[in-house]
Amino acid sequence: MIKYRAGYKYQLAETYLHKLPDAIAKDAYNSRGEFLSLEDGYLVISSGYAWDGPSGPTIDTKNFMRGSLVHDAFYQLMRQGIIPRKHKDAADLELQRMCLEDGMSSIRAWWVYRGVKRFGMQSTISNRDILIAP
């Protein structure tokens, strides 16, 4: 029998460091997990981390991948209680900022932000059931 979680389609090939937005950094404490760590004001996403890419009615484009990685990591840390859920908006704004920085049009980045702002709260609550297969 195996136990697994569904919902992932990308896997990070190299460790990625991301400076925490000030709003999140002030409440973040150093924490080390298997794939996600908070270290001295940085989010460290280790090689092998799996995420589902951009969510919702959207297209997975290169200018959305880095933002979706960091945003998914922030939401996972909220689900784990490592980052307070009160920082959801800071995480959503960071997604928009990163998408713009990576070349996404301002109109699309605004829609991305509006989508996660309106529909993302449920994803900050632990909801990844463990599935079992023979």
N, C-alpha and C. Protein backbone atom coordinates (compact mmCIF):
# COMPACT_ATOMS: atom_id res chain seq x y z
N MET A 1 0.85 -1.18 0.00
CA MET A 1 0.00 0.00 0.00
C MET A 1 0.90 1.25 0.00
N ILE A 2 0.47 2.29 -0.70
CA ILE A 2 1.17 3.58 -0.69
C ILE A 2 0.22 4.66 -0.17
N LYS A 3 0.82 5.69 0.35
CA LYS A 3 0.07 6.88 0.77
C LYS A 3 0.66 8.05 0.02
N TYR A 4 -0.20 8.91 -0.53
CA TYR A 4 0.27 10.02 -1.36
C TYR A 4 -0.73 11.16 -1.32
N ARG A 5 -0.29 12.30 -1.85
CA ARG A 5 -1.17 13.46 -2.00
C ARG A 5 -1.26 13.81 -3.48
N ALA A 6 -2.41 14.18 -3.92
CA ALA A 6 -2.63 14.54 -5.31
C ALA A 6 -2.50 16.05 -5.48
N GLY A 7 -2.46 16.50 -6.75
CA GLY A 7 -2.56 17.93 -7.02
C GLY A 7 -1.28 18.62 -7.42
N TYR A 8 -0.20 17.89 -7.64
CA TYR A 8 1.07 18.52 -8.01
C TYR A 8 1.45 18.18 -9.43
N LYS A 9 2.04 19.13 -10.15
CA LYS A 9 2.46 18.83 -11.52
C LYS A 9 3.84 19.36 -11.87
N TYR A 10 4.44 20.18 -11.00
CA TYR A 10 5.80 20.68 -11.24
C TYR A 10 6.68 20.31 -10.06
N GLN A 11 7.97 20.16 -10.35
CA GLN A 11 8.93 19.86 -9.29
C GLN A 11 10.16 20.73 -9.51
N LEU A 12 10.56 21.44 -8.46
CA LEU A 12 11.69 22.36 -8.54
C LEU A 12 12.99 21.59 -8.74
N ALA A 13 13.79 22.01 -9.72
CA ALA A 13 15.04 21.32 -10.06
C ALA A 13 16.24 21.85 -9.30
N GLU A 14 16.17 23.09 -8.81
CA GLU A 14 17.26 23.69 -8.02
C GLU A 14 16.66 24.48 -6.88
N THR A 15 17.36 24.55 -5.77
CA THR A 15 16.90 25.33 -4.63
C THR A 15 16.75 26.80 -5.04
N TYR A 16 15.68 27.44 -4.54
CA TYR A 16 15.39 28.83 -4.86
C TYR A 16 15.25 29.62 -3.57
N LEU A 17 15.93 30.77 -3.48
CA LEU A 17 15.83 31.68 -2.33
C LEU A 17 15.01 32.89 -2.74
N HIS A 18 14.11 33.30 -1.84
CA HIS A 18 13.26 34.46 -2.12
C HIS A 18 13.21 35.33 -0.87
N LYS A 19 13.56 36.60 -1.02
CA LYS A 19 13.50 37.53 0.11
C LYS A 19 12.04 37.73 0.51
N LEU A 20 11.77 37.58 1.80
CA LEU A 20 10.41 37.72 2.29
C LEU A 20 9.95 39.17 2.19
N PRO A 21 8.70 39.40 1.79
CA PRO A 21 8.15 40.76 1.86
C PRO A 21 8.18 41.22 3.32
N ASP A 22 8.37 42.52 3.53
CA ASP A 22 8.48 43.06 4.88
C ASP A 22 7.31 42.66 5.78
N ALA A 23 6.10 42.68 5.23
CA ALA A 23 4.91 42.36 6.03
C ALA A 23 4.99 40.95 6.59
N ILE A 24 5.50 40.02 5.82
CA ILE A 24 5.61 38.63 6.27
C ILE A 24 6.85 38.46 7.14
N ALA A 25 7.94 39.08 6.77
CA ALA A 25 9.21 38.91 7.49
C ALA A 25 9.10 39.30 8.96
N LYS A 26 8.29 40.32 9.26
CA LYS A 26 8.21 40.78 10.66
C LYS A 26 7.59 39.74 11.58
N ASP A 27 6.79 38.81 11.05
CA ASP A 27 6.15 37.77 11.86
C ASP A 27 6.73 36.38 11.62
N ALA A 28 7.68 36.27 10.71
CA ALA A 28 8.23 34.96 10.38
C ALA A 28 9.38 34.62 11.32
N TYR A 29 9.39 33.40 11.77
CA TYR A 29 10.50 32.93 12.59
C TYR A 29 11.25 31.86 11.81
N ASN A 30 12.52 31.69 12.09
CA ASN A 30 13.30 30.68 11.39
C ASN A 30 12.66 29.31 11.61
N SER A 31 12.50 28.59 10.52
CA SER A 31 11.84 27.29 10.56
C SER A 31 12.42 26.44 9.43
N ARG A 32 12.68 25.19 9.71
CA ARG A 32 13.22 24.30 8.69
C ARG A 32 12.27 23.13 8.50
N GLY A 33 11.88 22.93 7.23
CA GLY A 33 11.08 21.79 6.87
C GLY A 33 11.79 20.98 5.81
N GLU A 34 11.15 19.94 5.35
CA GLU A 34 11.78 19.08 4.35
C GLU A 34 12.09 19.83 3.06
N PHE A 35 11.14 20.65 2.59
CA PHE A 35 11.33 21.38 1.34
C PHE A 35 11.23 22.89 1.49
N LEU A 36 10.62 23.37 2.57
CA LEU A 36 10.43 24.81 2.78
C LEU A 36 11.07 25.23 4.10
N SER A 37 11.84 26.31 4.04
CA SER A 37 12.46 26.85 5.24
C SER A 37 12.35 28.37 5.23
N LEU A 38 12.30 28.94 6.41
CA LEU A 38 12.40 30.38 6.58
C LEU A 38 13.71 30.61 7.32
N GLU A 39 14.60 31.35 6.69
CA GLU A 39 15.92 31.57 7.27
C GLU A 39 16.34 33.03 7.11
N ASP A 40 16.41 33.73 8.22
CA ASP A 40 16.94 35.09 8.25
C ASP A 40 16.33 36.01 7.19
N GLY A 41 15.01 36.01 7.10
CA GLY A 41 14.31 36.90 6.17
C GLY A 41 14.16 36.36 4.76
N TYR A 42 14.50 35.10 4.56
CA TYR A 42 14.37 34.48 3.24
C TYR A 42 13.51 33.23 3.30
N LEU A 43 12.75 33.02 2.24
CA LEU A 43 12.06 31.77 2.01
C LEU A 43 13.01 30.91 1.19
N VAL A 44 13.31 29.73 1.67
CA VAL A 44 14.19 28.79 0.96
C VAL A 44 13.32 27.63 0.50
N ILE A 45 13.23 27.47 -0.82
CA ILE A 45 12.45 26.37 -1.41
C ILE A 45 13.46 25.39 -1.99
N SER A 46 13.51 24.20 -1.42
CA SER A 46 14.55 23.23 -1.78
C SER A 46 14.21 22.48 -3.05
N SER A 47 15.27 22.06 -3.72
CA SER A 47 15.15 21.22 -4.91
C SER A 47 14.28 20.01 -4.57
N GLY A 48 13.38 19.67 -5.46
CA GLY A 48 12.46 18.56 -5.24
C GLY A 48 11.08 18.99 -4.79
N TYR A 49 10.93 20.27 -4.39
CA TYR A 49 9.62 20.77 -3.96
C TYR A 49 8.63 20.65 -5.12
N ALA A 50 7.44 20.15 -4.83
CA ALA A 50 6.40 19.98 -5.85
C ALA A 50 5.28 20.98 -5.61
N TRP A 51 4.78 21.56 -6.70
CA TRP A 51 3.65 22.49 -6.61
C TRP A 51 2.80 22.34 -7.86
N ASP A 52 1.61 22.91 -7.83
CA ASP A 52 0.67 22.70 -8.94
C ASP A 52 0.70 23.80 -9.99
N GLY A 53 1.61 24.76 -9.86
CA GLY A 53 1.68 25.83 -10.86
C GLY A 53 0.53 26.81 -10.69
N PRO A 54 0.31 27.65 -11.68
CA PRO A 54 -0.79 28.61 -11.62
C PRO A 54 -2.14 27.90 -11.50
N SER A 55 -2.98 28.39 -10.63
CA SER A 55 -4.28 27.76 -10.38
C SER A 55 -5.41 28.58 -10.99
N GLY A 56 -6.53 27.93 -11.14
CA GLY A 56 -7.72 28.61 -11.62
C GLY A 56 -7.82 28.58 -13.13
N PRO A 57 -8.70 29.39 -13.67
CA PRO A 57 -8.87 29.42 -15.12
C PRO A 57 -7.76 30.27 -15.76
N THR A 58 -6.58 29.69 -15.88
CA THR A 58 -5.43 30.43 -16.41
C THR A 58 -4.54 29.50 -17.22
N ILE A 59 -3.54 30.07 -17.82
CA ILE A 59 -2.58 29.31 -18.62
C ILE A 59 -1.24 29.34 -17.87
N ASP A 60 -0.55 28.20 -17.87
CA ASP A 60 0.76 28.13 -17.24
C ASP A 60 1.80 28.72 -18.20
N THR A 61 2.15 29.98 -17.96
CA THR A 61 3.14 30.65 -18.80
C THR A 61 4.41 30.90 -17.99
N LYS A 62 5.52 31.13 -18.67
CA LYS A 62 6.80 31.35 -17.98
C LYS A 62 6.75 32.54 -17.03
N ASN A 63 5.98 33.57 -17.40
CA ASN A 63 5.93 34.74 -16.53
C ASN A 63 5.01 34.54 -15.31
N PHE A 64 4.50 33.34 -15.15
CA PHE A 64 3.63 33.00 -14.02
C PHE A 64 4.27 31.93 -13.13
N MET A 65 5.30 31.26 -13.58
CA MET A 65 5.83 30.10 -12.87
C MET A 65 6.52 30.46 -11.55
N ARG A 66 7.40 31.43 -11.55
CA ARG A 66 8.13 31.80 -10.33
C ARG A 66 7.15 32.31 -9.27
N GLY A 67 6.23 33.16 -9.70
CA GLY A 67 5.22 33.68 -8.77
C GLY A 67 4.36 32.58 -8.19
N SER A 68 3.96 31.62 -9.03
CA SER A 68 3.12 30.53 -8.54
C SER A 68 3.89 29.65 -7.55
N LEU A 69 5.18 29.45 -7.79
CA LEU A 69 6.01 28.67 -6.87
C LEU A 69 6.05 29.32 -5.49
N VAL A 70 6.40 30.59 -5.44
CA VAL A 70 6.53 31.29 -4.17
C VAL A 70 5.17 31.42 -3.49
N HIS A 71 4.14 31.72 -4.25
CA HIS A 71 2.79 31.87 -3.70
C HIS A 71 2.31 30.55 -3.11
N ASP A 72 2.51 29.45 -3.82
CA ASP A 72 2.12 28.14 -3.29
C ASP A 72 2.89 27.82 -2.01
N ALA A 73 4.17 28.17 -1.97
CA ALA A 73 4.96 27.93 -0.76
C ALA A 73 4.42 28.76 0.41
N PHE A 74 4.09 30.03 0.16
CA PHE A 74 3.52 30.86 1.23
C PHE A 74 2.22 30.26 1.75
N TYR A 75 1.34 29.85 0.85
CA TYR A 75 0.07 29.26 1.28
C TYR A 75 0.31 27.96 2.06
N GLN A 76 1.27 27.15 1.62
CA GLN A 76 1.57 25.92 2.35
C GLN A 76 2.06 26.24 3.77
N LEU A 77 2.90 27.24 3.89
CA LEU A 77 3.39 27.64 5.22
C LEU A 77 2.25 28.18 6.08
N MET A 78 1.25 28.80 5.46
CA MET A 78 0.06 29.22 6.21
C MET A 78 -0.74 28.01 6.66
N ARG A 79 -0.90 27.03 5.77
CA ARG A 79 -1.63 25.80 6.15
C ARG A 79 -0.95 25.10 7.32
N GLN A 80 0.37 25.18 7.37
CA GLN A 80 1.14 24.53 8.43
C GLN A 80 1.22 25.37 9.70
N GLY A 81 0.69 26.60 9.66
CA GLY A 81 0.71 27.47 10.82
C GLY A 81 2.06 28.15 11.06
N ILE A 82 2.95 28.12 10.09
CA ILE A 82 4.28 28.72 10.23
C ILE A 82 4.23 30.21 9.91
N ILE A 83 3.43 30.58 8.93
CA ILE A 83 3.16 31.99 8.62
C ILE A 83 1.70 32.25 8.99
N PRO A 84 1.42 33.29 9.77
CA PRO A 84 0.02 33.58 10.11
C PRO A 84 -0.83 33.87 8.86
N ARG A 85 -2.05 33.38 8.87
CA ARG A 85 -2.95 33.58 7.73
C ARG A 85 -3.29 35.05 7.50
N LYS A 86 -3.04 35.90 8.47
CA LYS A 86 -3.29 37.33 8.28
C LYS A 86 -2.41 37.91 7.17
N HIS A 87 -1.38 37.16 6.75
CA HIS A 87 -0.47 37.62 5.70
C HIS A 87 -0.87 37.13 4.30
N LYS A 88 -2.08 36.63 4.18
CA LYS A 88 -2.55 36.17 2.87
C LYS A 88 -2.47 37.29 1.83
N ASP A 89 -2.91 38.49 2.18
CA ASP A 89 -2.89 39.58 1.21
C ASP A 89 -1.47 39.94 0.81
N ALA A 90 -0.53 39.91 1.76
CA ALA A 90 0.87 40.18 1.42
C ALA A 90 1.40 39.13 0.45
N ALA A 91 1.01 37.87 0.65
CA ALA A 91 1.42 36.80 -0.27
C ALA A 91 0.79 37.01 -1.65
N ASP A 92 -0.48 37.41 -1.67
CA ASP A 92 -1.17 37.66 -2.94
C ASP A 92 -0.54 38.84 -3.69
N LEU A 93 -0.20 39.89 -2.97
CA LEU A 93 0.45 41.05 -3.60
C LEU A 93 1.84 40.69 -4.11
N GLU A 94 2.54 39.81 -3.39
CA GLU A 94 3.87 39.38 -3.83
C GLU A 94 3.76 38.58 -5.13
N LEU A 95 2.72 37.77 -5.25
CA LEU A 95 2.48 37.05 -6.50
C LEU A 95 2.31 38.04 -7.65
N GLN A 96 1.48 39.05 -7.46
CA GLN A 96 1.26 40.05 -8.50
C GLN A 96 2.57 40.77 -8.84
N ARG A 97 3.32 41.17 -7.83
CA ARG A 97 4.58 41.87 -8.05
C ARG A 97 5.57 41.01 -8.85
N MET A 98 5.65 39.75 -8.50
CA MET A 98 6.58 38.85 -9.19
C MET A 98 6.16 38.63 -10.64
N CYS A 99 4.86 38.48 -10.86
CA CYS A 99 4.37 38.29 -12.24
C CYS A 99 4.71 39.51 -13.10
N LEU A 100 4.50 40.69 -12.55
CA LEU A 100 4.86 41.91 -13.29
C LEU A 100 6.37 41.96 -13.55
N GLU A 101 7.15 41.64 -12.54
CA GLU A 101 8.61 41.65 -12.67
C GLU A 101 9.07 40.65 -13.75
N ASP A 102 8.33 39.56 -13.90
CA ASP A 102 8.70 38.53 -14.87
C ASP A 102 8.09 38.77 -16.25
N GLY A 103 7.45 39.92 -16.44
CA GLY A 103 6.99 40.31 -17.77
C GLY A 103 5.52 40.10 -18.07
N MET A 104 4.72 39.76 -17.08
CA MET A 104 3.29 39.60 -17.31
C MET A 104 2.67 40.98 -17.52
N SER A 105 1.65 41.06 -18.38
CA SER A 105 0.97 42.34 -18.60
C SER A 105 0.30 42.78 -17.30
N SER A 106 0.20 44.08 -17.13
CA SER A 106 -0.39 44.60 -15.90
C SER A 106 -1.86 44.20 -15.76
N ILE A 107 -2.57 44.09 -16.86
CA ILE A 107 -3.99 43.69 -16.80
C ILE A 107 -4.11 42.25 -16.31
N ARG A 108 -3.30 41.35 -16.89
CA ARG A 108 -3.35 39.95 -16.46
C ARG A 108 -2.91 39.82 -15.01
N ALA A 109 -1.85 40.51 -14.60
CA ALA A 109 -1.36 40.44 -13.23
C ALA A 109 -2.42 40.95 -12.25
N TRP A 110 -3.18 41.98 -12.65
CA TRP A 110 -4.26 42.48 -11.81
C TRP A 110 -5.33 41.40 -11.65
N TRP A 111 -5.69 40.72 -12.75
CA TRP A 111 -6.69 39.65 -12.67
C TRP A 111 -6.19 38.49 -11.82
N VAL A 112 -4.91 38.16 -11.94
CA VAL A 112 -4.32 37.11 -11.10
C VAL A 112 -4.49 37.49 -9.62
N TYR A 113 -4.13 38.72 -9.29
CA TYR A 113 -4.26 39.18 -7.91
C TYR A 113 -5.71 39.13 -7.45
N ARG A 114 -6.61 39.63 -8.26
CA ARG A 114 -8.04 39.63 -7.87
C ARG A 114 -8.54 38.20 -7.66
N GLY A 115 -8.08 37.26 -8.50
CA GLY A 115 -8.51 35.87 -8.36
C GLY A 115 -8.07 35.25 -7.05
N VAL A 116 -6.79 35.40 -6.70
CA VAL A 116 -6.33 34.80 -5.44
C VAL A 116 -6.87 35.55 -4.24
N LYS A 117 -7.04 36.85 -4.38
CA LYS A 117 -7.61 37.64 -3.27
C LYS A 117 -9.02 37.16 -2.95
N ARG A 118 -9.79 36.92 -4.00
CA ARG A 118 -11.20 36.54 -3.80
C ARG A 118 -11.39 35.07 -3.47
N PHE A 119 -10.60 34.19 -4.13
CA PHE A 119 -10.87 32.76 -4.02
C PHE A 119 -9.79 31.96 -3.29
N GLY A 120 -8.74 32.61 -2.81
CA GLY A 120 -7.61 31.87 -2.27
C GLY A 120 -7.69 31.48 -0.80
N MET A 121 -8.59 32.06 -0.02
CA MET A 121 -8.59 31.82 1.43
C MET A 121 -8.69 30.33 1.77
N GLN A 122 -9.50 29.59 1.06
CA GLN A 122 -9.66 28.16 1.37
C GLN A 122 -8.33 27.41 1.22
N SER A 123 -7.47 27.88 0.34
CA SER A 123 -6.18 27.22 0.12
C SER A 123 -5.15 27.51 1.22
N THR A 124 -5.48 28.40 2.15
CA THR A 124 -4.59 28.65 3.29
C THR A 124 -4.95 27.75 4.47
N ILE A 125 -5.99 26.95 4.31
CA ILE A 125 -6.45 26.03 5.35
C ILE A 125 -6.04 24.62 4.93
N SER A 126 -5.55 23.84 5.88
CA SER A 126 -5.09 22.48 5.57
C SER A 126 -6.21 21.68 4.91
N ASN A 127 -5.93 21.24 3.67
CA ASN A 127 -6.98 20.54 2.92
C ASN A 127 -6.43 19.47 1.98
N ARG A 128 -5.18 19.07 2.14
CA ARG A 128 -4.61 18.03 1.29
C ARG A 128 -4.75 16.69 1.99
N ASP A 129 -5.81 15.97 1.64
CA ASP A 129 -6.04 14.67 2.23
C ASP A 129 -4.99 13.67 1.77
N ILE A 130 -4.67 12.76 2.66
CA ILE A 130 -3.77 11.67 2.29
C ILE A 130 -4.62 10.58 1.65
N LEU A 131 -4.21 10.18 0.45
CA LEU A 131 -4.92 9.14 -0.30
C LEU A 131 -4.18 7.82 -0.14
N ILE A 132 -4.90 6.73 -0.28
CA ILE A 132 -4.31 5.40 -0.12
C ILE A 132 -4.62 4.58 -1.37
N ALA A 133 -3.62 3.86 -1.85
CA ALA A 133 -3.79 2.97 -2.99
C ALA A 133 -3.10 1.64 -2.66
N PRO A 134 -3.63 0.54 -3.20
CA PRO A 134 -3.01 -0.76 -2.90
C PRO A 134 -1.60 -0.86 -3.47
